[in-house]
Structures are given as C-alpha cells and as structure tokens.
C-alpha cells in the first residue's frame, strides 16, 4: 500500500497547461489562433472580391484568378484555412472519438484529407495562372 503511486497535483496542473501526455496542447491552441488571425484579412480581401468569385462567366473568373495579386493571397488563404480546419477537426476527433485505433485512423485521415484537398486547390490556382500566362 505504501508504494502505490498516487496521482500528483502537478500531473493535473501540467495537463491543464497543455503539458500532459501529448505535450502540445498549448502549441495546438496557438496555431489555431495564429491561423485564425491570418484568415481575417484574407477573408476581408476575398469578400471585397466577391463579384469576381461569383461570376457565371468562366473567362472572367479565370482572368481574375490568373493575376498574381489574386493567386498569391488565394494560395495563402487555402493554406491557412485548410490548416485551421484540420486543427479544428482534430480537436473534435480527440474529444469525441473513443478507441485508440479508431482515433488514430481518423486523425490520419483528417490530416491526409485536408492536405490532399489543399494541394488540389493550390494546383488549380497554379494551373489557371500558368495557362493565363501563355494566352
């Protein structure tokens, strides 16, 4: 009985500070905030560009998207938005999925899905830009 390990109050404090078993809770929290702050001006920028985004004219849209002043913020938006979304989904999986195998599978699927979708979006913007340069 004397040698039973009792949970220490310091263990609970470290978990609360994000220094529990994963040791990256604070980093995750900060990355969500940083990506959200980066998204704010990009959302405002693209909200001001809504008439070009919502156009039914494909030629007008590709001409607009083919400008570097649109493509670069667009790629930055994709990176920040998909990273931010991936972090958010990760929290949901960690909090609500039970069973380590299922949790690990879904966390990997989350990262892979957002990564592949992000690459596809960035490729589409790059494709339009390079095609636009040759016309």
N, C-alpha and C. Protein backbone atom coordinates (compact mmCIF):
# COMPACT_ATOMS: atom_id res chain seq x y z
N UNK A 1 0.80 -1.19 0.00
CA UNK A 1 0.00 0.00 0.00
C UNK A 1 0.85 1.26 0.00
N UNK A 2 1.99 1.22 0.67
CA UNK A 2 2.82 2.41 0.75
C UNK A 2 3.45 2.78 -0.58
N UNK A 3 3.58 1.79 -1.46
CA UNK A 3 4.27 2.06 -2.72
C UNK A 3 3.33 2.33 -3.88
N UNK A 4 2.02 2.41 -3.63
CA UNK A 4 1.09 2.75 -4.70
C UNK A 4 1.33 4.18 -5.13
N UNK A 5 1.33 4.36 -6.42
CA UNK A 5 1.59 5.69 -6.96
C UNK A 5 0.28 6.50 -6.99
N UNK A 6 0.26 7.57 -6.26
CA UNK A 6 -0.89 8.45 -6.21
C UNK A 6 -0.73 9.52 -7.30
N UNK A 7 -1.82 9.90 -7.96
CA UNK A 7 -1.71 10.99 -8.91
C UNK A 7 -1.30 12.27 -8.18
N UNK A 8 -0.37 12.93 -8.74
CA UNK A 8 0.14 14.16 -8.14
C UNK A 8 -0.67 15.35 -8.64
N UNK A 9 -0.79 16.35 -7.81
CA UNK A 9 -1.46 17.58 -8.24
C UNK A 9 -0.71 18.21 -9.40
N UNK A 10 0.61 17.97 -9.46
CA UNK A 10 1.42 18.54 -10.55
C UNK A 10 1.05 17.91 -11.89
N UNK A 11 0.66 16.65 -11.88
CA UNK A 11 0.22 15.99 -13.11
C UNK A 11 -1.00 16.72 -13.66
N UNK A 12 -1.95 17.03 -12.81
CA UNK A 12 -3.16 17.72 -13.24
C UNK A 12 -2.86 19.14 -13.72
N UNK A 13 -1.94 19.82 -13.05
CA UNK A 13 -1.56 21.17 -13.47
C UNK A 13 -0.89 21.13 -14.83
N UNK A 14 0.01 20.17 -15.05
CA UNK A 14 0.66 20.07 -16.35
C UNK A 14 -0.35 19.78 -17.46
N UNK A 15 -1.33 18.94 -17.18
CA UNK A 15 -2.36 18.66 -18.18
C UNK A 15 -3.16 19.92 -18.49
N UNK A 16 -3.48 20.68 -17.48
CA UNK A 16 -4.25 21.90 -17.67
C UNK A 16 -3.46 22.93 -18.46
N UNK A 17 -2.16 22.93 -18.30
CA UNK A 17 -1.32 23.88 -19.02
C UNK A 17 -0.93 23.37 -20.40
N UNK A 18 -1.42 22.22 -20.80
CA UNK A 18 -1.09 21.68 -22.10
C UNK A 18 0.21 20.92 -22.11
N UNK A 19 0.66 20.50 -20.93
CA UNK A 19 1.91 19.76 -20.85
C UNK A 19 1.64 18.35 -20.36
N UNK A 20 0.50 17.82 -20.73
CA UNK A 20 0.13 16.46 -20.35
C UNK A 20 0.86 15.47 -21.23
N UNK A 21 0.23 14.34 -21.47
CA UNK A 21 0.88 13.27 -22.22
C UNK A 21 1.27 13.71 -23.63
N UNK A 22 0.43 14.49 -24.28
CA UNK A 22 0.73 14.89 -25.65
C UNK A 22 1.76 16.01 -25.71
N UNK A 23 1.87 16.82 -24.70
CA UNK A 23 2.85 17.90 -24.59
C UNK A 23 2.70 18.99 -25.65
N UNK A 24 1.61 18.99 -26.41
CA UNK A 24 1.50 20.01 -27.46
C UNK A 24 0.17 20.74 -27.43
N UNK A 25 -0.55 20.69 -26.32
CA UNK A 25 -1.84 21.37 -26.24
C UNK A 25 -1.73 22.87 -26.43
N UNK A 26 -0.73 23.48 -25.85
CA UNK A 26 -0.54 24.93 -25.97
C UNK A 26 -0.17 25.29 -27.41
N UNK A 27 0.70 24.49 -28.01
CA UNK A 27 1.10 24.74 -29.40
C UNK A 27 -0.12 24.65 -30.32
N UNK A 28 -0.94 23.64 -30.14
CA UNK A 28 -2.15 23.46 -30.95
C UNK A 28 -3.07 24.68 -30.78
N UNK A 29 -3.26 25.10 -29.53
CA UNK A 29 -4.12 26.25 -29.26
C UNK A 29 -3.58 27.49 -29.96
N UNK A 30 -2.28 27.73 -29.86
CA UNK A 30 -1.67 28.90 -30.51
C UNK A 30 -1.79 28.83 -32.03
N UNK A 31 -1.59 27.66 -32.61
CA UNK A 31 -1.68 27.53 -34.07
C UNK A 31 -3.09 27.81 -34.56
N UNK A 32 -4.09 27.41 -33.78
CA UNK A 32 -5.47 27.74 -34.16
C UNK A 32 -5.68 29.25 -34.14
N UNK A 33 -5.14 29.92 -33.14
CA UNK A 33 -5.29 31.38 -33.05
C UNK A 33 -4.52 32.09 -34.15
N UNK A 34 -3.30 31.65 -34.39
CA UNK A 34 -2.47 32.29 -35.44
C UNK A 34 -3.13 32.12 -36.80
N UNK A 35 -3.59 30.90 -37.10
CA UNK A 35 -4.23 30.68 -38.41
C UNK A 35 -5.52 31.49 -38.52
N UNK A 36 -6.26 31.64 -37.43
CA UNK A 36 -7.48 32.45 -37.45
C UNK A 36 -7.16 33.92 -37.73
N UNK A 37 -6.11 34.42 -37.09
CA UNK A 37 -5.72 35.82 -37.31
C UNK A 37 -5.25 36.03 -38.75
N UNK A 38 -4.54 35.07 -39.31
CA UNK A 38 -4.12 35.17 -40.71
C UNK A 38 -5.31 35.14 -41.66
N UNK A 39 -6.33 34.40 -41.29
CA UNK A 39 -7.51 34.30 -42.15
C UNK A 39 -8.35 35.57 -42.18
N UNK A 40 -8.32 36.36 -41.11
CA UNK A 40 -9.15 37.57 -41.06
C UNK A 40 -8.92 38.52 -42.24
N UNK A 41 -7.69 39.00 -42.46
CA UNK A 41 -7.52 39.92 -43.60
C UNK A 41 -7.74 39.24 -44.95
N UNK A 42 -7.43 37.95 -45.03
CA UNK A 42 -7.65 37.24 -46.29
C UNK A 42 -9.14 37.11 -46.58
N UNK A 43 -9.95 36.86 -45.56
CA UNK A 43 -11.41 36.80 -45.75
C UNK A 43 -11.96 38.15 -46.18
N UNK A 44 -11.49 39.20 -45.56
CA UNK A 44 -11.94 40.55 -45.94
C UNK A 44 -11.54 40.84 -47.39
N UNK A 45 -10.31 40.50 -47.75
CA UNK A 45 -9.81 40.72 -49.12
C UNK A 45 -10.71 40.01 -50.13
N UNK A 46 -11.01 38.73 -49.86
CA UNK A 46 -11.82 37.98 -50.82
C UNK A 46 -13.29 38.35 -50.75
N UNK A 47 -13.77 38.84 -49.62
CA UNK A 47 -15.15 39.34 -49.55
C UNK A 47 -15.30 40.55 -50.46
N UNK A 48 -14.26 41.36 -50.53
CA UNK A 48 -14.27 42.52 -51.42
C UNK A 48 -14.18 42.10 -52.89
N UNK A 49 -13.76 40.89 -53.14
CA UNK A 49 -13.62 40.37 -54.49
C UNK A 49 -14.80 39.48 -54.90
N UNK A 50 -15.86 39.47 -54.10
CA UNK A 50 -16.98 38.53 -54.29
C UNK A 50 -17.59 38.60 -55.68
N UNK A 51 -17.65 39.78 -56.26
CA UNK A 51 -18.29 39.89 -57.58
C UNK A 51 -17.50 39.14 -58.65
N UNK A 52 -16.20 39.00 -58.45
CA UNK A 52 -15.37 38.24 -59.40
C UNK A 52 -15.48 36.74 -59.13
N UNK A 53 -15.63 36.37 -57.87
CA UNK A 53 -15.71 34.97 -57.50
C UNK A 53 -17.05 34.37 -57.92
N UNK A 54 -18.12 35.13 -57.76
CA UNK A 54 -19.47 34.63 -58.01
C UNK A 54 -19.92 34.81 -59.45
N UNK A 55 -19.06 35.22 -60.33
CA UNK A 55 -19.46 35.45 -61.72
C UNK A 55 -19.77 34.14 -62.44
N UNK A 56 -20.79 34.15 -63.28
CA UNK A 56 -21.06 32.95 -64.08
C UNK A 56 -20.16 32.87 -65.32
N UNK A 57 -19.38 33.90 -65.56
CA UNK A 57 -18.51 33.96 -66.74
C UNK A 57 -17.16 33.31 -66.41
N UNK A 58 -16.95 32.12 -66.94
CA UNK A 58 -15.72 31.37 -66.66
C UNK A 58 -14.48 32.13 -67.13
N UNK A 59 -14.56 32.76 -68.29
CA UNK A 59 -13.42 33.52 -68.81
C UNK A 59 -13.05 34.68 -67.88
N UNK A 60 -14.07 35.37 -67.39
CA UNK A 60 -13.82 36.47 -66.45
C UNK A 60 -13.18 35.94 -65.16
N UNK A 61 -13.70 34.82 -64.66
CA UNK A 61 -13.17 34.25 -63.43
C UNK A 61 -11.72 33.81 -63.59
N UNK A 62 -11.39 33.11 -64.67
CA UNK A 62 -10.01 32.65 -64.86
C UNK A 62 -9.06 33.81 -65.11
N UNK A 63 -9.55 34.84 -65.79
CA UNK A 63 -8.72 36.03 -65.98
C UNK A 63 -8.42 36.69 -64.63
N UNK A 64 -9.44 36.79 -63.80
CA UNK A 64 -9.28 37.36 -62.46
C UNK A 64 -8.34 36.51 -61.62
N UNK A 65 -8.55 35.19 -61.61
CA UNK A 65 -7.73 34.28 -60.81
C UNK A 65 -6.30 34.20 -61.35
N UNK A 66 -6.10 34.53 -62.60
CA UNK A 66 -4.79 34.46 -63.21
C UNK A 66 -3.85 35.60 -62.82
N UNK A 67 -4.34 36.54 -62.09
CA UNK A 67 -3.49 37.66 -61.64
C UNK A 67 -2.74 37.25 -60.38
N UNK A 68 -1.43 37.52 -60.31
CA UNK A 68 -0.66 37.18 -59.10
C UNK A 68 -1.20 37.84 -57.83
N UNK A 69 -1.78 39.04 -57.97
CA UNK A 69 -2.33 39.73 -56.80
C UNK A 69 -3.56 39.00 -56.24
N UNK A 70 -4.10 38.08 -56.98
CA UNK A 70 -5.21 37.25 -56.52
C UNK A 70 -4.71 35.85 -56.17
N UNK A 71 -3.83 35.31 -57.00
CA UNK A 71 -3.35 33.94 -56.81
C UNK A 71 -2.56 33.77 -55.51
N UNK A 72 -1.67 34.69 -55.22
CA UNK A 72 -0.84 34.57 -54.01
C UNK A 72 -1.70 34.63 -52.74
N UNK A 73 -2.58 35.64 -52.58
CA UNK A 73 -3.46 35.61 -51.40
C UNK A 73 -4.39 34.39 -51.41
N UNK A 74 -4.78 33.93 -52.59
CA UNK A 74 -5.63 32.75 -52.68
C UNK A 74 -4.93 31.51 -52.15
N UNK A 75 -3.68 31.34 -52.51
CA UNK A 75 -2.90 30.20 -52.01
C UNK A 75 -2.67 30.33 -50.51
N UNK A 76 -2.38 31.53 -50.04
CA UNK A 76 -2.22 31.74 -48.60
C UNK A 76 -3.51 31.44 -47.85
N UNK A 77 -4.64 31.84 -48.44
CA UNK A 77 -5.93 31.55 -47.84
C UNK A 77 -6.17 30.05 -47.75
N UNK A 78 -5.88 29.34 -48.80
CA UNK A 78 -6.07 27.89 -48.80
C UNK A 78 -5.22 27.23 -47.73
N UNK A 79 -3.96 27.61 -47.66
CA UNK A 79 -3.06 27.02 -46.65
C UNK A 79 -3.58 27.30 -45.25
N UNK A 80 -3.90 28.56 -44.96
CA UNK A 80 -4.36 28.93 -43.61
C UNK A 80 -5.71 28.30 -43.29
N UNK A 81 -6.64 28.31 -44.23
CA UNK A 81 -7.98 27.79 -43.98
C UNK A 81 -7.97 26.28 -43.78
N UNK A 82 -7.24 25.57 -44.63
CA UNK A 82 -7.23 24.11 -44.50
C UNK A 82 -6.46 23.68 -43.26
N UNK A 83 -5.41 24.40 -42.91
CA UNK A 83 -4.67 24.09 -41.68
C UNK A 83 -5.56 24.34 -40.47
N UNK A 84 -6.24 25.48 -40.47
CA UNK A 84 -7.14 25.84 -39.37
C UNK A 84 -8.27 24.81 -39.24
N UNK A 85 -8.85 24.43 -40.36
CA UNK A 85 -9.93 23.44 -40.34
C UNK A 85 -9.43 22.09 -39.84
N UNK A 86 -8.25 21.69 -40.28
CA UNK A 86 -7.67 20.43 -39.84
C UNK A 86 -7.45 20.41 -38.33
N UNK A 87 -6.97 21.52 -37.79
CA UNK A 87 -6.79 21.62 -36.34
C UNK A 87 -8.13 21.51 -35.61
N UNK A 88 -9.15 22.14 -36.14
CA UNK A 88 -10.47 22.08 -35.52
C UNK A 88 -11.06 20.68 -35.55
N UNK A 89 -10.95 20.00 -36.68
CA UNK A 89 -11.46 18.64 -36.78
C UNK A 89 -10.66 17.72 -35.86
N UNK A 90 -9.36 17.97 -35.74
CA UNK A 90 -8.53 17.17 -34.84
C UNK A 90 -9.04 17.24 -33.41
N UNK A 91 -9.41 18.43 -32.96
CA UNK A 91 -9.92 18.59 -31.60
C UNK A 91 -11.22 17.80 -31.42
N UNK A 92 -12.08 17.86 -32.42
CA UNK A 92 -13.34 17.12 -32.35
C UNK A 92 -13.07 15.62 -32.25
N UNK A 93 -12.16 15.12 -33.08
CA UNK A 93 -11.82 13.69 -33.05
C UNK A 93 -11.24 13.31 -31.69
N UNK A 94 -10.31 14.11 -31.21
CA UNK A 94 -9.67 13.80 -29.92
C UNK A 94 -10.68 13.82 -28.78
N UNK A 95 -11.65 14.71 -28.84
CA UNK A 95 -12.61 14.85 -27.75
C UNK A 95 -13.76 13.84 -27.80
N UNK A 96 -14.19 13.45 -29.00
CA UNK A 96 -15.43 12.69 -29.10
C UNK A 96 -15.28 11.27 -29.65
N UNK A 97 -14.13 10.91 -30.19
CA UNK A 97 -13.95 9.56 -30.71
C UNK A 97 -13.28 8.72 -29.64
N UNK A 98 -13.88 7.57 -29.36
CA UNK A 98 -13.34 6.67 -28.34
C UNK A 98 -12.74 5.46 -29.04
N UNK A 99 -11.70 4.93 -28.45
CA UNK A 99 -10.99 3.81 -29.03
C UNK A 99 -9.76 4.31 -29.75
N UNK A 100 -8.62 3.90 -29.29
CA UNK A 100 -7.35 4.43 -29.82
C UNK A 100 -7.17 4.14 -31.31
N UNK A 101 -7.51 2.94 -31.75
CA UNK A 101 -7.34 2.60 -33.16
C UNK A 101 -8.17 3.48 -34.07
N UNK A 102 -9.44 3.64 -33.71
CA UNK A 102 -10.35 4.49 -34.49
C UNK A 102 -9.88 5.94 -34.48
N UNK A 103 -9.44 6.40 -33.30
CA UNK A 103 -8.99 7.78 -33.16
C UNK A 103 -7.75 8.04 -34.04
N UNK A 104 -6.79 7.14 -34.00
CA UNK A 104 -5.57 7.30 -34.81
C UNK A 104 -5.91 7.28 -36.29
N UNK A 105 -6.78 6.35 -36.70
CA UNK A 105 -7.18 6.28 -38.10
C UNK A 105 -7.83 7.59 -38.56
N UNK A 106 -8.77 8.11 -37.76
CA UNK A 106 -9.46 9.34 -38.13
C UNK A 106 -8.54 10.55 -38.11
N UNK A 107 -7.59 10.59 -37.17
CA UNK A 107 -6.62 11.69 -37.15
C UNK A 107 -5.75 11.67 -38.40
N UNK A 108 -5.32 10.49 -38.81
CA UNK A 108 -4.52 10.38 -40.04
C UNK A 108 -5.36 10.74 -41.26
N UNK A 109 -6.60 10.26 -41.30
CA UNK A 109 -7.49 10.59 -42.41
C UNK A 109 -7.75 12.09 -42.48
N UNK A 110 -7.92 12.72 -41.34
CA UNK A 110 -8.12 14.17 -41.26
C UNK A 110 -6.95 14.90 -41.91
N UNK A 111 -5.74 14.58 -41.45
CA UNK A 111 -4.55 15.26 -41.97
C UNK A 111 -4.38 15.01 -43.48
N UNK A 112 -4.53 13.75 -43.87
CA UNK A 112 -4.36 13.40 -45.28
C UNK A 112 -5.41 14.06 -46.16
N UNK A 113 -6.65 14.09 -45.70
CA UNK A 113 -7.73 14.68 -46.49
C UNK A 113 -7.51 16.18 -46.71
N UNK A 114 -7.24 16.90 -45.63
CA UNK A 114 -7.02 18.34 -45.79
C UNK A 114 -5.77 18.63 -46.60
N UNK A 115 -4.73 17.82 -46.43
CA UNK A 115 -3.50 18.01 -47.21
C UNK A 115 -3.78 17.82 -48.70
N UNK A 116 -4.46 16.72 -49.05
CA UNK A 116 -4.75 16.44 -50.46
C UNK A 116 -5.68 17.48 -51.07
N UNK A 117 -6.70 17.89 -50.33
CA UNK A 117 -7.60 18.93 -50.83
C UNK A 117 -6.87 20.26 -51.02
N UNK A 118 -5.99 20.59 -50.08
CA UNK A 118 -5.20 21.81 -50.20
C UNK A 118 -4.29 21.79 -51.42
N UNK A 119 -3.62 20.66 -51.62
CA UNK A 119 -2.74 20.52 -52.80
C UNK A 119 -3.56 20.64 -54.08
N UNK A 120 -4.74 20.03 -54.12
CA UNK A 120 -5.60 20.12 -55.31
C UNK A 120 -6.01 21.57 -55.58
N UNK A 121 -6.36 22.31 -54.54
CA UNK A 121 -6.75 23.72 -54.71
C UNK A 121 -5.58 24.58 -55.18
N UNK A 122 -4.42 24.36 -54.57
CA UNK A 122 -3.23 25.12 -54.96
C UNK A 122 -2.84 24.78 -56.40
N UNK A 123 -2.94 23.52 -56.76
CA UNK A 123 -2.65 23.11 -58.14
C UNK A 123 -3.60 23.80 -59.11
N UNK A 124 -4.88 23.88 -58.76
CA UNK A 124 -5.86 24.53 -59.64
C UNK A 124 -5.53 26.00 -59.85
N UNK A 125 -5.15 26.68 -58.79
CA UNK A 125 -4.78 28.10 -58.92
C UNK A 125 -3.52 28.23 -59.78
N UNK A 126 -2.53 27.39 -59.51
CA UNK A 126 -1.29 27.44 -60.30
C UNK A 126 -1.57 27.12 -61.77
N UNK A 127 -2.42 26.14 -62.02
CA UNK A 127 -2.76 25.76 -63.39
C UNK A 127 -3.39 26.93 -64.14
N UNK A 128 -4.35 27.59 -63.49
CA UNK A 128 -5.01 28.75 -64.12
C UNK A 128 -3.98 29.85 -64.36
N UNK A 129 -3.09 30.07 -63.41
CA UNK A 129 -2.09 31.13 -63.57
C UNK A 129 -1.13 30.84 -64.70
N UNK A 130 -0.63 29.62 -64.78
CA UNK A 130 0.31 29.29 -65.85
C UNK A 130 -0.37 29.25 -67.20
N UNK A 131 -1.61 28.80 -67.26
CA UNK A 131 -2.37 28.80 -68.52
C UNK A 131 -2.65 30.25 -68.93
N UNK A 132 -2.94 31.10 -67.97
CA UNK A 132 -3.23 32.50 -68.25
C UNK A 132 -1.99 33.22 -68.78
N UNK A 133 -0.81 32.83 -68.31
CA UNK A 133 0.44 33.46 -68.75
C UNK A 133 0.71 33.19 -70.22
N UNK A 134 0.24 32.06 -70.73
CA UNK A 134 0.56 31.66 -72.10
C UNK A 134 -0.50 32.14 -73.10
N UNK A 135 -1.49 32.89 -72.64
CA UNK A 135 -2.50 33.42 -73.56
C UNK A 135 -2.27 34.87 -73.83
